[in-house]
Amino acid sequence: MSHYNHSNPSTFILKGIPGLETSHFWIAFPFCIMYCIALLGNLTILLVIKSEPSLHLPMYYFLCMLAGIDLVLTTATVPKILSIFWFQSHRICFHCCVVQMFFIHGFSAVESGVLLAMAFDRYVAISKPLHYTNMLTNSVIAKIGLAAVVRGIGLMTPLTCLVSSLHYCGSNIISHSYCEHMAVVKLACGDTTPNNIYGITAATFVVGSDSIFITVSYILILRAVMNLSSKEARLKSFGTCGSHVCVILVFFIPGLFSFYTQRWGQHIPTYLHILLADLYLLVPPMLNPIIYGMKTKQIWEHVPRLFCQKRFETGS
C-alpha cells in the first residue's frame, strides 16, 4: 500500500473494480464495445442533424447538446478505465484526477439541465404548436443551453476546489475505476464535513429541482395531450415524449443509486457498486442515440441517407 506525507500526492492509484481484478481483462471487452457504440451513435446523431436542414429545430438542437455531453462524459473516463483493465495503467496524476472529477460531475449536472430543457421543449411543442418555433428561437435555445452549462459547471467547480484543498497523508489507492468525488475524499486526512455537505447538497439540488420541474412539465404535457381531439395526434405526442422519458429514467435512476450508495451503501458489495458506477457512465450515452434513433422517425430515416451520401462522396 502506498503512503505519503504531504498535502497533495503526485499520483493516485485507481484499483479498477475491487474484487474483480482477475476479470478486468474480460470485463474490458463489453466496456469497449459499449464505448464504441456510444461514440458511433452520438457522432451519427450530430452529423445527421447537422447535415439535414429539416432537422434544424429546437428538439434536435437539444438532442445535439445531449449527444455532445455524452461524448464528453464517456471520453473523460472510459479510455482510462480500459487502460486499467487491459494494460494495468493504474496511476493517475493528482491534477488529472481532479480534472476528470470535474468533467464527470460537472457535465452530469449539465446533462440533467439539458434533460429539463428537453421536457420544457416537449411541453411547448404539444401545448403551443403554432408558437413553437417563435418561442424557441435559436437565441432562446442558446441561452437555455448556456444556462445549463453555467449552472452545472458553477455548482461543481467549488466541489473540485474543495477536493484540491484537502490534505492527503495516508493511502493513495482509490477503490474505484475513476476519480469519483467521495472515493477521493475518503483518502483525505482531517475534517471532510464541508466536502460531504456540499457534495450531497449540490447533487440533491440538481437532481431534486430538475426532477420536480420535469415531473411538472409532464403533468402539463399529459393534460395537453388528453385535450387533443385526434387520437392519431395523441399517439404521436406520446411516442415523441416516450423516448425522452426513457432517456430520463436511464440517466436518473442509476445515477441516484450510484451517488447515494457511495455514501450510505455499506451493505452493498463494493464490486457491485463500482461496476454499476462504471456502467452509469457508459449505458446512458450508449442508449440515448439508440432510443432517439429508433423512436424518432425523422432521425432514423436520414441515417441511411447520410452514410450513402458519405460513401458516394468517398467513391467520387
Protein backbone atom coordinates (compact mmCIF):
# COMPACT_ATOMS: atom_id res chain seq x y z
CA MET A 1 0.00 0.00 0.00
CA SER A 2 1.33 3.44 -0.94
CA HIS A 3 1.57 6.25 1.63
CA TYR A 4 2.66 9.86 1.51
CA ASN A 5 3.09 12.68 3.99
CA HIS A 6 2.27 15.87 2.10
CA SER A 7 -0.91 17.75 1.28
CA ASN A 8 -1.26 16.80 -2.39
CA PRO A 9 0.06 13.45 -3.66
CA SER A 10 1.75 13.41 -7.06
CA THR A 11 -0.31 10.41 -8.14
CA PHE A 12 -3.28 8.31 -7.16
CA ILE A 13 -3.70 4.63 -7.93
CA LEU A 14 -7.07 3.57 -9.36
CA LYS A 15 -7.85 -0.01 -8.37
CA GLY A 16 -10.47 -0.59 -11.06
CA ILE A 17 -13.22 -2.86 -9.72
CA PRO A 18 -12.08 -4.17 -6.31
CA GLY A 19 -12.76 -7.89 -6.01
CA LEU A 20 -12.92 -8.44 -9.76
CA GLU A 21 -9.27 -7.73 -10.60
CA THR A 22 -8.80 -11.16 -12.19
CA SER A 23 -11.74 -10.45 -14.53
CA HIS A 24 -10.64 -6.96 -15.59
CA PHE A 25 -9.26 -8.18 -18.93
CA TRP A 26 -12.57 -9.76 -19.95
CA ILE A 27 -14.80 -7.03 -18.49
CA ALA A 28 -12.96 -4.53 -20.71
CA PHE A 29 -14.36 -6.10 -23.90
CA PRO A 30 -18.06 -5.26 -23.29
CA PHE A 31 -16.95 -1.88 -21.93
CA CYS A 32 -15.03 -1.19 -25.14
CA ILE A 33 -17.97 -2.31 -27.31
CA MET A 34 -20.37 -0.05 -25.39
CA TYR A 35 -17.93 2.85 -25.68
CA CYS A 36 -17.62 2.36 -29.45
CA ILE A 37 -21.42 2.19 -29.80
CA ALA A 38 -21.75 5.39 -27.73
CA LEU A 39 -19.18 7.18 -29.90
CA LEU A 40 -20.70 5.99 -33.17
CA GLY A 41 -24.28 6.66 -32.07
CA ASN A 42 -23.74 10.16 -30.71
CA LEU A 43 -21.49 11.22 -33.59
CA THR A 44 -24.14 9.93 -36.01
CA ILE A 45 -26.82 11.97 -34.24
CA LEU A 46 -24.65 15.10 -34.52
CA LEU A 47 -23.83 14.50 -38.20
CA VAL A 48 -27.42 13.68 -39.19
CA ILE A 49 -28.84 16.79 -37.52
CA LYS A 50 -26.06 18.99 -38.91
CA SER A 51 -26.49 17.72 -42.49
CA GLU A 52 -30.30 17.79 -42.63
CA PRO A 53 -31.85 21.29 -42.71
CA SER A 54 -35.27 19.78 -41.92
CA LEU A 55 -33.91 18.76 -38.51
CA HIS A 56 -32.77 22.25 -37.57
CA LEU A 57 -35.49 22.54 -34.95
CA PRO A 58 -35.36 23.15 -31.16
CA MET A 59 -35.92 19.49 -30.24
CA TYR A 60 -32.95 18.37 -32.31
CA TYR A 61 -30.70 21.18 -31.10
CA PHE A 62 -31.28 19.96 -27.55
CA LEU A 63 -30.59 16.42 -28.73
CA CYS A 64 -27.26 17.65 -30.14
CA MET A 65 -26.40 19.11 -26.73
CA LEU A 66 -27.21 15.76 -25.11
CA ALA A 67 -25.05 13.89 -27.63
CA GLY A 68 -22.14 16.28 -27.11
CA ILE A 69 -22.32 15.93 -23.32
CA ASP A 70 -22.42 12.13 -23.59
CA LEU A 71 -19.29 12.20 -25.76
CA VAL A 72 -17.51 14.30 -23.13
CA LEU A 73 -18.59 12.05 -20.22
CA THR A 74 -17.55 8.80 -21.88
CA THR A 75 -14.28 10.11 -23.31
CA ALA A 76 -13.27 11.61 -19.94
CA THR A 77 -13.49 8.22 -18.24
CA VAL A 78 -13.68 5.13 -20.45
CA PRO A 79 -10.20 5.31 -22.11
CA LYS A 80 -8.61 5.40 -18.64
CA ILE A 81 -10.82 2.55 -17.42
CA LEU A 82 -9.82 0.43 -20.43
CA SER A 83 -6.14 1.22 -19.84
CA ILE A 84 -6.54 -0.03 -16.25
CA PHE A 85 -8.31 -3.21 -17.31
CA TRP A 86 -6.08 -4.10 -20.27
CA PHE A 87 -2.69 -2.53 -19.55
CA GLN A 88 -2.65 -2.25 -15.72
CA SER A 89 -2.18 1.50 -16.06
CA HIS A 90 -3.48 2.26 -12.57
CA ARG A 91 -1.64 5.51 -11.90
CA ILE A 92 -3.25 8.91 -12.47
CA CYS A 93 -1.65 12.22 -11.52
CA PHE A 94 -3.39 14.28 -8.84
CA HIS A 95 -4.31 17.16 -11.16
CA CYS A 96 -5.54 14.75 -13.88
CA CYS A 97 -7.72 13.11 -11.23
CA VAL A 98 -9.23 16.45 -10.22
CA VAL A 99 -9.85 17.38 -13.87
CA GLN A 100 -11.53 14.03 -14.53
CA MET A 101 -13.71 14.52 -11.45
CA PHE A 102 -14.67 17.99 -12.69
CA PHE A 103 -15.73 16.67 -16.10
CA ILE A 104 -17.70 13.74 -14.65
CA HIS A 105 -19.68 15.67 -12.04
CA GLY A 106 -19.85 18.96 -13.92
CA PHE A 107 -21.16 17.54 -17.19
CA SER A 108 -23.52 15.14 -15.38
CA ALA A 109 -25.11 18.25 -13.84
CA VAL A 110 -25.19 19.92 -17.27
CA GLU A 111 -26.89 16.85 -18.76
CA SER A 112 -29.55 16.99 -16.06
CA GLY A 113 -30.23 20.61 -17.04
CA VAL A 114 -30.46 19.69 -20.73
CA LEU A 115 -32.98 16.92 -19.94
CA LEU A 116 -35.07 19.52 -18.10
CA ALA A 117 -34.83 21.83 -21.13
CA MET A 118 -35.98 18.97 -23.37
CA ALA A 119 -39.03 18.43 -21.14
CA PHE A 120 -39.88 22.13 -21.48
CA ASP A 121 -39.37 21.84 -25.25
CA ARG A 122 -41.89 18.97 -25.44
CA TYR A 123 -44.39 20.95 -23.37
CA VAL A 124 -44.19 23.96 -25.68
CA ALA A 125 -44.34 21.76 -28.82
CA ILE A 126 -47.50 19.99 -27.65
CA SER A 127 -49.38 22.74 -25.83
CA LYS A 128 -48.47 25.66 -28.13
CA PRO A 129 -47.62 24.10 -31.53
CA LEU A 130 -48.42 27.25 -33.53
CA HIS A 131 -45.99 29.34 -31.47
CA TYR A 132 -43.32 26.64 -31.05
CA THR A 133 -40.63 27.99 -33.39
CA ASN A 134 -41.42 31.60 -32.46
CA MET A 135 -40.99 30.91 -28.74
CA LEU A 136 -37.94 28.66 -29.00
CA THR A 137 -35.76 30.67 -31.37
CA ASN A 138 -32.09 29.88 -31.89
CA SER A 139 -31.22 32.69 -29.49
CA VAL A 140 -33.50 31.30 -26.76
CA ILE A 141 -32.13 27.78 -27.25
CA ALA A 142 -28.56 29.07 -26.98
CA LYS A 143 -29.42 30.89 -23.74
CA ILE A 144 -31.08 27.78 -22.27
CA GLY A 145 -28.05 25.67 -23.18
CA LEU A 146 -25.69 28.28 -21.72
CA ALA A 147 -27.74 28.41 -18.52
CA ALA A 148 -27.48 24.60 -18.16
CA VAL A 149 -23.70 24.78 -18.65
CA VAL A 150 -23.20 27.70 -16.24
CA ARG A 151 -25.33 26.08 -13.55
CA GLY A 152 -23.66 22.66 -13.86
CA ILE A 153 -20.10 23.97 -14.05
CA GLY A 154 -20.78 26.64 -11.42
CA LEU A 155 -22.08 24.11 -8.90
CA MET A 156 -19.32 21.56 -9.45
CA THR A 157 -16.33 23.92 -9.58
CA PRO A 158 -16.40 24.51 -5.78
CA LEU A 159 -16.62 20.71 -5.35
CA THR A 160 -13.30 20.14 -7.13
CA CYS A 161 -11.73 23.16 -5.39
CA LEU A 162 -12.66 21.66 -2.01
CA VAL A 163 -11.06 18.36 -3.02
CA SER A 164 -7.88 20.16 -4.12
CA SER A 165 -7.64 21.95 -0.77
CA LEU A 166 -7.76 18.76 1.31
CA HIS A 167 -4.68 17.23 2.93
CA TYR A 168 -3.80 13.65 1.99
CA CYS A 169 -1.44 11.72 4.23
CA GLY A 170 -2.47 8.06 4.08
CA SER A 171 -3.10 5.62 1.29
CA ASN A 172 -3.25 6.98 -2.26
CA ILE A 173 -5.21 3.99 -3.56
CA ILE A 174 -8.68 4.91 -4.85
CA SER A 175 -11.07 1.95 -4.66
CA HIS A 176 -12.72 2.93 -7.91
CA SER A 177 -12.25 2.85 -11.68
CA TYR A 178 -12.26 6.64 -11.97
CA CYS A 179 -11.91 9.69 -9.72
CA GLU A 180 -15.33 9.75 -8.13
CA HIS A 181 -15.70 12.57 -5.61
CA MET A 182 -16.39 10.62 -2.41
CA ALA A 183 -13.90 7.88 -3.29
CA VAL A 184 -11.17 10.56 -3.33
CA VAL A 185 -12.46 12.42 -0.26
CA LYS A 186 -12.26 9.19 1.79
CA LEU A 187 -8.47 9.29 1.36
CA ALA A 188 -8.14 12.73 2.96
CA CYS A 189 -6.94 13.45 6.49
CA GLY A 190 -8.75 15.83 8.78
CA ASP A 191 -12.28 17.15 8.58
CA THR A 192 -14.08 16.40 5.31
CA THR A 193 -17.50 17.56 6.53
CA PRO A 194 -17.65 20.58 4.14
CA ASN A 195 -16.98 18.25 1.20
CA ASN A 196 -19.66 15.80 2.31
CA ILE A 197 -22.26 18.50 2.95
CA TYR A 198 -21.56 20.41 -0.27
CA GLY A 199 -21.48 17.23 -2.38
CA ILE A 200 -24.82 15.99 -1.05
CA THR A 201 -26.41 19.46 -1.21
CA ALA A 202 -25.29 20.14 -4.79
CA ALA A 203 -26.37 16.72 -6.06
CA THR A 204 -29.71 16.86 -4.25
CA PHE A 205 -30.36 20.39 -5.53
CA VAL A 206 -29.62 19.47 -9.16
CA VAL A 207 -31.46 16.15 -9.21
CA GLY A 208 -34.25 17.27 -6.88
CA SER A 209 -35.10 20.55 -8.64
CA ASP A 210 -34.77 19.07 -12.13
CA SER A 211 -36.88 16.03 -11.22
CA ILE A 212 -39.62 18.24 -9.80
CA PHE A 213 -39.70 20.53 -12.84
CA ILE A 214 -39.58 17.58 -15.26
CA THR A 215 -42.48 15.95 -13.40
CA VAL A 216 -44.49 19.19 -13.52
CA SER A 217 -43.72 19.53 -17.24
CA TYR A 218 -45.00 16.03 -17.95
CA ILE A 219 -48.15 16.55 -15.89
CA LEU A 220 -48.87 19.61 -18.04
CA ILE A 221 -47.91 17.66 -21.18
CA LEU A 222 -50.26 14.81 -20.24
CA ARG A 223 -53.08 17.27 -19.68
CA ALA A 224 -52.39 18.93 -23.04
CA VAL A 225 -52.21 15.57 -24.85
CA MET A 226 -55.52 14.38 -23.38
CA ASN A 227 -57.16 17.58 -24.66
CA LEU A 228 -56.11 16.84 -28.25
CA SER A 229 -59.12 15.97 -30.40
CA SER A 230 -57.38 13.50 -32.70
CA LYS A 231 -56.39 10.02 -31.49
CA GLU A 232 -53.56 9.98 -34.03
CA ALA A 233 -52.20 13.26 -32.64
CA ARG A 234 -52.34 11.87 -29.10
CA LEU A 235 -50.43 8.73 -30.10
CA LYS A 236 -47.83 10.80 -31.95
CA SER A 237 -47.34 13.03 -28.92
CA PHE A 238 -47.00 10.05 -26.58
CA GLY A 239 -44.46 8.50 -28.96
CA THR A 240 -42.37 11.66 -29.08
CA CYS A 241 -42.40 12.04 -25.30
CA GLY A 242 -41.81 8.33 -24.73
CA SER A 243 -38.23 8.49 -25.97
CA HIS A 244 -37.48 11.42 -23.67
CA VAL A 245 -38.99 9.66 -20.64
CA CYS A 246 -36.83 6.58 -21.36
CA VAL A 247 -33.70 8.76 -21.52
CA ILE A 248 -34.63 10.49 -18.23
CA LEU A 249 -35.11 7.17 -16.44
CA VAL A 250 -31.87 5.74 -17.84
CA PHE A 251 -29.99 8.84 -16.62
CA PHE A 252 -31.50 9.49 -13.19
CA ILE A 253 -32.14 6.04 -11.70
CA PRO A 254 -28.60 4.56 -11.98
CA GLY A 255 -27.10 7.97 -11.17
CA LEU A 256 -29.01 8.31 -7.91
CA PHE A 257 -28.24 4.72 -6.96
CA SER A 258 -24.52 5.22 -7.58
CA PHE A 259 -24.41 8.56 -5.73
CA TYR A 260 -26.19 7.51 -2.56
CA THR A 261 -24.68 4.02 -2.26
CA GLN A 262 -21.22 5.63 -2.31
CA ARG A 263 -22.23 7.39 0.92
CA TRP A 264 -24.61 5.02 2.68
CA GLY A 265 -24.49 1.69 0.86
CA GLN A 266 -22.15 -0.08 3.27
CA HIS A 267 -24.05 -3.36 2.91
CA ILE A 268 -23.79 -3.39 -0.89
CA PRO A 269 -20.72 -5.30 -2.17
CA THR A 270 -18.02 -2.88 -3.31
CA TYR A 271 -17.51 -4.57 -6.66
CA LEU A 272 -21.23 -4.27 -7.44
CA HIS A 273 -21.32 -0.58 -6.60
CA ILE A 274 -18.20 0.20 -8.66
CA LEU A 275 -19.43 -1.87 -11.60
CA LEU A 276 -22.77 -0.05 -11.60
CA ALA A 277 -21.00 3.32 -11.28
CA ASP A 278 -18.90 2.45 -14.35
CA LEU A 279 -21.98 1.36 -16.29
CA TYR A 280 -23.74 4.61 -15.33
CA LEU A 281 -21.17 6.50 -17.42
CA LEU A 282 -21.47 4.03 -20.31
CA VAL A 283 -25.03 2.80 -20.62
CA PRO A 284 -26.94 6.13 -20.90
CA PRO A 285 -24.57 7.55 -23.58
CA MET A 286 -24.86 4.25 -25.46
CA LEU A 287 -28.66 4.00 -25.20
CA ASN A 288 -29.59 7.66 -25.78
CA PRO A 289 -28.86 7.70 -29.55
CA ILE A 290 -30.41 4.24 -29.93
CA ILE A 291 -33.61 5.32 -28.13
CA TYR A 292 -33.91 8.53 -30.14
CA GLY A 293 -32.83 6.87 -33.37
CA MET A 294 -35.48 4.15 -33.08
CA LYS A 295 -38.31 6.25 -31.70
CA THR A 296 -37.77 9.40 -33.76
CA LYS A 297 -38.74 8.70 -37.36
CA GLN A 298 -37.18 11.91 -38.66
CA ILE A 299 -33.75 10.76 -37.44
CA TRP A 300 -33.61 7.10 -38.45
CA GLU A 301 -34.98 7.92 -41.89
CA HIS A 302 -31.97 10.16 -42.52
CA VAL A 303 -29.26 7.86 -41.13
CA PRO A 304 -29.01 5.59 -44.22
CA ARG A 305 -29.07 8.67 -46.43
CA LEU A 306 -26.16 10.17 -44.50
CA PHE A 307 -23.95 7.08 -44.89
CA CYS A 308 -24.92 6.62 -48.53
CA GLN A 309 -24.01 10.25 -49.17
CA LYS A 310 -20.64 9.83 -47.42
CA ARG A 311 -19.96 6.65 -49.37
CA PHE A 312 -20.85 8.37 -52.65
CA GLU A 313 -18.57 11.31 -51.85
CA THR A 314 -15.73 8.93 -50.97
CA GLY A 315 -16.26 6.97 -54.18
CA SER A 316 -16.21 10.15 -56.23
